Protein backbone atom coordinates (compact mmCIF):
# COMPACT_ATOMS: atom_id res chain seq x y z
CA UNK A 1 -10.44 -34.35 -15.29
CA UNK A 2 -8.63 -32.13 -12.79
CA UNK A 3 -7.62 -33.98 -9.66
CA UNK A 4 -8.30 -32.14 -6.42
CA UNK A 5 -5.16 -31.46 -4.45
CA UNK A 6 -4.87 -32.55 -0.83
CA UNK A 7 -2.37 -29.72 -0.32
CA UNK A 8 -3.26 -27.03 2.17
CA UNK A 9 -4.20 -23.56 0.87
CA UNK A 10 -3.85 -20.54 3.16
CA UNK A 11 -6.45 -17.83 2.59
CA UNK A 12 -5.37 -14.37 3.71
CA UNK A 13 -8.42 -12.15 3.99
CA UNK A 14 -10.63 -15.18 4.50
CA UNK A 15 -13.12 -13.33 6.70
CA UNK A 16 -13.71 -10.63 4.05
CA UNK A 17 -15.75 -10.43 0.85
CA UNK A 18 -13.25 -11.88 -1.60
CA UNK A 19 -11.28 -14.14 0.71
CA UNK A 20 -14.43 -15.47 2.35
CA UNK A 21 -15.86 -16.40 -1.03
CA UNK A 22 -12.58 -18.05 -2.01
CA UNK A 23 -12.45 -20.10 1.19
CA UNK A 24 -16.04 -21.30 0.76
CA UNK A 25 -15.52 -22.09 -2.92
CA UNK A 26 -12.40 -24.12 -2.22
CA UNK A 27 -14.03 -26.00 0.65
CA UNK A 28 -17.10 -26.76 -1.45
CA UNK A 29 -14.85 -28.39 -4.04
CA UNK A 30 -12.85 -30.58 -1.69
CA UNK A 31 -9.79 -28.46 -0.96
CA UNK A 32 -8.09 -28.16 2.41
CA UNK A 33 -8.26 -24.55 3.61
CA UNK A 34 -6.63 -22.62 6.41
CA UNK A 35 -7.82 -19.07 7.12
CA UNK A 36 -5.67 -16.45 8.83
CA UNK A 37 -7.60 -14.21 11.21
CA UNK A 38 -6.71 -11.75 13.94
CA UNK A 39 -9.74 -12.82 15.99
CA UNK A 40 -10.71 -16.47 16.20
CA UNK A 41 -13.90 -15.51 18.06
CA UNK A 42 -15.24 -13.15 15.39
CA UNK A 43 -18.53 -14.08 13.74
CA UNK A 44 -16.87 -14.34 10.32
CA UNK A 45 -14.10 -16.61 11.65
CA UNK A 46 -16.59 -18.90 13.35
CA UNK A 47 -18.75 -19.05 10.23
CA UNK A 48 -15.89 -20.08 7.95
CA UNK A 49 -14.70 -22.62 10.54
CA UNK A 50 -18.18 -24.14 10.55
CA UNK A 51 -17.77 -24.72 6.80
CA UNK A 52 -14.70 -26.85 7.46
CA UNK A 53 -11.83 -24.38 7.31
CA UNK A 54 -9.01 -24.48 9.80
CA UNK A 55 -8.67 -21.04 11.39
CA UNK A 56 -5.39 -19.78 12.79
CA UNK A 57 -4.77 -16.59 14.72
CA UNK A 58 -2.15 -14.24 13.35
CA UNK A 59 -1.27 -10.72 12.31
CA UNK A 60 0.21 -9.63 8.99
CA UNK A 61 2.65 -7.40 10.88
CA UNK A 62 3.93 -10.32 12.95
CA UNK A 63 6.38 -12.40 10.91
CA UNK A 64 6.44 -15.21 13.43
CA UNK A 65 2.66 -15.62 13.30
CA UNK A 66 2.79 -15.61 9.49
CA UNK A 67 5.42 -18.35 9.53
CA UNK A 68 3.23 -20.42 11.82
CA UNK A 69 0.21 -19.84 9.58
CA UNK A 70 2.17 -21.00 6.52
CA UNK A 71 3.46 -24.20 8.10
CA UNK A 72 2.53 -27.11 5.83
CA UNK A 73 0.96 -24.80 3.25
CA UNK A 74 1.64 -25.18 -0.48
CA UNK A 75 -0.33 -22.22 -1.86
CA UNK A 76 -1.73 -18.87 -0.74
CA UNK A 77 -4.70 -16.76 -1.72
CA UNK A 78 -3.95 -13.13 -0.90
CA UNK A 79 -6.56 -10.40 -0.36
CA UNK A 80 -4.74 -7.62 1.43
CA UNK A 81 -6.40 -5.18 3.82
CA UNK A 82 -6.25 -1.52 2.76
CA UNK A 83 -6.39 0.73 5.83
CA UNK A 84 -8.14 4.01 4.88
CA UNK A 85 -6.36 5.76 7.75
CA UNK A 86 -2.87 4.47 6.95
CA UNK A 87 -2.18 3.62 3.29
CA UNK A 88 1.24 2.16 4.19
CA UNK A 89 -0.35 -0.81 5.95
CA UNK A 90 -1.32 -2.72 2.79
CA UNK A 91 2.07 -2.73 1.01
CA UNK A 92 3.89 -3.37 4.30
CA UNK A 93 1.73 -6.37 5.13
CA UNK A 94 2.04 -7.73 1.61
CA UNK A 95 5.83 -7.43 1.76
CA UNK A 96 5.77 -9.44 4.99
CA UNK A 97 3.61 -12.11 3.35
CA UNK A 98 5.91 -12.47 0.34
CA UNK A 99 9.06 -12.52 2.47
CA UNK A 100 7.75 -15.30 4.72
CA UNK A 101 6.26 -17.23 1.79
CA UNK A 102 9.66 -17.24 0.06
CA UNK A 103 11.36 -18.31 3.28
CA UNK A 104 9.10 -21.31 3.91
CA UNK A 105 8.93 -22.42 0.26
CA UNK A 106 5.35 -21.60 -0.79
CA UNK A 107 4.88 -22.82 -4.35
CA UNK A 108 1.93 -20.73 -5.58
CA UNK A 109 0.28 -17.38 -4.85
CA UNK A 110 -3.01 -16.12 -6.25
CA UNK A 111 -3.32 -12.44 -5.37
CA UNK A 112 -6.32 -10.17 -5.89
CA UNK A 113 -5.60 -6.53 -6.65
CA UNK A 114 -7.74 -4.03 -8.58
CA UNK A 115 -8.54 -3.31 -12.21
CA UNK A 116 -6.19 -0.91 -14.02
CA UNK A 117 -3.43 -0.98 -11.41
CA UNK A 118 -1.19 -2.46 -14.10
CA UNK A 119 -2.10 0.07 -16.79
CA UNK A 120 0.24 3.00 -17.50
CA UNK A 121 0.14 5.96 -17.81
CA UNK A 122 -2.62 6.52 -15.29
CA UNK A 123 -5.08 9.36 -14.84
CA UNK A 124 -3.22 11.70 -12.45
CA UNK A 125 -5.93 14.11 -11.27
CA UNK A 126 -5.98 12.94 -7.64
CA UNK A 127 -2.77 12.10 -5.72
CA UNK A 128 -4.74 9.81 -3.39
CA UNK A 129 -5.95 7.73 -6.34
CA UNK A 130 -2.44 7.50 -7.77
CA UNK A 131 -1.11 6.41 -4.38
CA UNK A 132 -3.82 3.76 -4.19
CA UNK A 133 -2.92 2.37 -7.62
CA UNK A 134 0.81 2.60 -6.94
CA UNK A 135 0.52 0.59 -3.75
CA UNK A 136 -1.56 -2.03 -5.54
CA UNK A 137 1.04 -2.26 -8.31
CA UNK A 138 3.95 -2.48 -5.85
CA UNK A 139 2.29 -5.47 -4.21
CA UNK A 140 1.64 -7.11 -7.58
CA UNK A 141 5.31 -6.72 -8.46
CA UNK A 142 6.32 -8.38 -5.19
CA UNK A 143 4.17 -11.36 -6.16
CA UNK A 144 5.30 -11.43 -9.79
CA UNK A 145 8.97 -11.26 -8.86
CA UNK A 146 8.84 -13.41 -5.74
CA UNK A 147 10.32 -16.48 -7.39
CA UNK A 148 7.23 -18.61 -6.84
CA UNK A 149 6.65 -21.62 -9.05
CA UNK A 150 3.27 -20.16 -10.02
CA UNK A 151 1.64 -16.77 -9.58
CA UNK A 152 -1.63 -15.21 -10.74
CA UNK A 153 -2.87 -11.66 -10.18
CA UNK A 154 -6.60 -10.98 -10.40
CA UNK A 155 -7.90 -7.50 -11.21
CA UNK A 156 -11.54 -7.09 -10.08
CA UNK A 157 -13.68 -4.06 -10.94
CA UNK A 158 -16.74 -2.50 -9.25
CA UNK A 159 -18.11 -4.96 -6.73
CA UNK A 160 -21.77 -5.92 -6.80
CA UNK A 161 -21.46 -6.16 -3.01
CA UNK A 162 -21.25 -2.35 -2.96
CA UNK A 163 -25.05 -2.36 -3.15
CA UNK A 164 -25.61 -4.30 0.09
CA UNK A 165 -24.65 -3.73 3.71
CA UNK A 166 -22.20 -2.90 5.12
CA UNK A 167 -20.77 -1.33 1.97
CA UNK A 168 -23.79 0.81 1.09
CA UNK A 169 -22.96 3.12 4.00
CA UNK A 170 -20.18 4.73 1.94
CA UNK A 171 -20.81 3.38 -1.58
CA UNK A 172 -24.59 3.85 -1.97
CA UNK A 173 -25.70 5.72 1.17
CA UNK A 174 -29.22 6.56 -0.08
CA UNK A 175 -30.10 3.21 -1.62
CA UNK A 176 -32.24 2.51 1.47
CA UNK A 177 -34.45 5.33 0.18
CA UNK A 178 -34.45 4.01 -3.39
CA UNK A 179 -31.81 6.46 -4.64
CA UNK A 180 -28.52 5.69 -6.34
CA UNK A 181 -26.36 8.71 -7.01
CA UNK A 182 -22.95 9.40 -8.46
CA UNK A 183 -20.91 11.60 -10.77
CA UNK A 184 -21.18 9.34 -13.83
CA UNK A 185 -23.57 9.87 -16.70
CA UNK A 186 -26.55 7.58 -16.47
CA UNK A 187 -25.60 5.65 -19.61
CA UNK A 188 -21.86 5.12 -18.93
CA UNK A 189 -21.18 1.37 -18.67
CA UNK A 190 -19.54 0.06 -15.49
CA UNK A 191 -17.84 -3.32 -15.33
CA UNK A 192 -19.15 -5.35 -12.39
CA UNK A 193 -18.01 -8.44 -10.55
CA UNK A 194 -18.73 -10.13 -7.24
CA UNK A 195 -16.72 -11.99 -4.64
CA UNK A 196 -17.82 -15.32 -6.11
CA UNK A 197 -16.27 -14.35 -9.46
CA UNK A 198 -12.93 -13.87 -7.68
CA UNK A 199 -13.42 -17.22 -5.96
CA UNK A 200 -14.09 -19.11 -9.17
CA UNK A 201 -10.96 -17.72 -10.82
CA UNK A 202 -8.89 -18.47 -7.72
CA UNK A 203 -10.09 -22.08 -7.59
CA UNK A 204 -9.36 -22.52 -11.28
CA UNK A 205 -5.83 -21.20 -10.74
CA UNK A 206 -5.20 -23.51 -7.79
CA UNK A 207 -6.53 -26.51 -9.70
CA UNK A 208 -4.61 -25.72 -12.90
CA UNK A 209 -1.56 -23.65 -11.92
CA UNK A 210 0.24 -24.16 -15.21
CA UNK A 211 -2.62 -22.64 -17.22
CA UNK A 212 -2.90 -19.61 -14.97
CA UNK A 213 0.77 -19.09 -14.17
CA UNK A 214 2.07 -15.62 -14.98
CA UNK A 215 -1.40 -14.27 -15.77
CA UNK A 216 -2.82 -10.86 -14.95
CA UNK A 217 -6.56 -11.41 -15.29
CA UNK A 218 -9.16 -8.64 -15.45
CA UNK A 219 -12.28 -9.93 -13.71
CA UNK A 220 -15.75 -8.73 -14.76
CA UNK A 221 -18.97 -10.70 -14.94
CA UNK A 222 -21.27 -8.00 -16.26
CA UNK A 223 -21.31 -4.46 -17.66
CA UNK A 224 -24.19 -2.07 -16.94
CA UNK A 225 -24.77 1.65 -16.58
CA UNK A 226 -26.00 3.18 -13.34
CA UNK A 227 -29.47 3.66 -14.82
CA UNK A 228 -29.51 -0.03 -15.84
CA UNK A 229 -28.32 -1.02 -12.37
CA UNK A 230 -31.17 0.99 -10.84
CA UNK A 231 -33.67 -0.65 -13.20
CA UNK A 232 -32.35 -4.13 -12.43
CA UNK A 233 -32.68 -3.48 -8.69
CA UNK A 234 -36.22 -2.16 -9.18
CA UNK A 235 -37.31 -5.19 -11.19
CA UNK A 236 -35.59 -7.87 -9.11
CA UNK A 237 -36.49 -6.44 -5.71
CA UNK A 238 -39.91 -5.00 -6.46
CA UNK A 239 -38.76 -1.63 -5.11
CA UNK A 240 -38.53 1.64 -6.98
CA UNK A 241 -34.88 2.64 -7.43
CA UNK A 242 -33.65 5.51 -9.58
CA UNK A 243 -30.27 7.06 -10.37
CA UNK A 244 -29.30 10.70 -9.94
CA UNK A 245 -26.19 12.25 -11.47
CA UNK A 246 -24.75 14.80 -9.02
CA UNK A 247 -21.65 16.95 -8.67
CA UNK A 248 -18.49 15.74 -6.97
CA UNK A 249 -19.12 18.03 -4.00
CA UNK A 250 -22.72 16.86 -3.65
CA UNK A 251 -21.77 13.15 -3.83
CA UNK A 252 -19.27 13.56 -1.00
CA UNK A 253 -21.56 15.74 1.11
CA UNK A 254 -24.34 13.15 0.74
CA UNK A 255 -22.14 10.44 2.23
CA UNK A 256 -20.31 8.69 -0.57
CA UNK A 257 -16.67 7.93 0.22
CA UNK A 258 -14.41 10.45 -1.53
CA UNK A 259 -12.24 7.71 -3.04
CA UNK A 260 -15.30 6.12 -4.61
CA UNK A 261 -16.41 9.48 -6.03
CA UNK A 262 -12.98 10.01 -7.57
CA UNK A 263 -13.09 6.47 -8.91
CA UNK A 264 -16.44 7.14 -10.56
CA UNK A 265 -15.03 10.32 -12.10
CA UNK A 266 -12.16 8.25 -13.48
CA UNK A 267 -14.55 5.60 -14.85
CA UNK A 268 -16.38 8.36 -16.70
CA UNK A 269 -13.14 9.71 -18.17
CA UNK A 270 -11.51 6.31 -18.87
CA UNK A 271 -14.42 4.12 -19.82
CA UNK A 272 -14.34 0.38 -19.44
CA UNK A 273 -11.43 0.08 -17.00
CA UNK A 274 -9.12 -0.17 -19.99
CA UNK A 275 -10.16 -3.65 -21.10
CA UNK A 276 -12.84 -5.51 -23.02
CA UNK A 277 -15.07 -7.83 -21.00
CA UNK A 278 -14.38 -10.53 -23.59
CA UNK A 279 -10.90 -10.80 -22.04
CA UNK A 280 -12.50 -12.20 -18.89
CA UNK A 281 -14.86 -14.50 -20.77
CA UNK A 282 -12.04 -16.20 -22.71
CA UNK A 283 -11.03 -18.28 -19.68
CA UNK A 284 -14.35 -20.14 -19.66
CA UNK A 285 -14.98 -19.47 -15.97
CA UNK A 286 -18.61 -19.27 -14.86
CA UNK A 287 -19.36 -15.65 -13.91
CA UNK A 288 -22.29 -13.86 -12.29
CA UNK A 289 -24.62 -11.51 -14.13
CA UNK A 290 -25.80 -8.61 -12.01
CA UNK A 291 -29.42 -9.70 -12.33
CA UNK A 292 -28.69 -13.23 -11.09
CA UNK A 293 -26.50 -11.90 -8.28
CA UNK A 294 -29.25 -9.54 -7.07
CA UNK A 295 -31.77 -12.39 -7.05
CA UNK A 296 -29.36 -14.59 -5.09
CA UNK A 297 -28.80 -11.84 -2.51
CA UNK A 298 -32.33 -10.46 -2.46
CA UNK A 299 -32.68 -10.80 1.31
CA UNK A 300 -29.55 -8.72 1.95
CA UNK A 301 -30.89 -5.52 0.41
CA UNK A 302 -32.34 -2.81 2.62
CA UNK A 303 -34.64 -0.55 0.60
CA UNK A 304 -37.64 1.19 2.15
């Protein structure tokens, strides 16, 4: 049986979707957790503190605050913030994290990136998409080559959380009216995962670093087409939801974030994110089906 470590784990991004799930998962299984936050008085920071996490104020651009946050820490979970207005923020912050982690002697890093960032050659239709992938890969390489005793890079896919607030505003802006739309064909399968899937893999890596050391892991708990997603939402929520395939221009004009539209176009052209879902299943980690996830989050959906 795996023995729980009394060592302190720093969660970067602990007030967000992935990091928040990781912090709660670790706390629920007896781990000591510290969460870095820019605002100790934020609702998310107070909520995770109420679960038993230690919260510490800091900024990824401030090396001194990072060094303070890492004091007494043996391992880090890293979910980096991608600023849509300044794409240089994410790789710069990650470089700061790795530099300080090496300086203070952090033993293990589990970093979450994105599916297909480590696949070459990439689809090169949109420079913004290539830049996004390149920055993700640069950060992964910093982690891989950081000299840590153990590293793991997770590669999540399309988040189930995209169908609830606040993400629906730019990912599914008409779901409130029972409409999903996008540029993909209605029967094209999409690999799905949720923040809890990330958390379960992260906990497994922290509890068994030797098994997960040096691993790039594609994370997906389910695979469904947009029409199947709409049907699942209809059945589970008792609301009529349907999917409409639209043009790229129409998707953007109707409120979907351009990067998401381009990503959907890529998923249509390069089906399956470049991996088989059986790759994820081989680790024996409990994962969430979309149907179960919707039922668990039923109260968070806003559909008229």
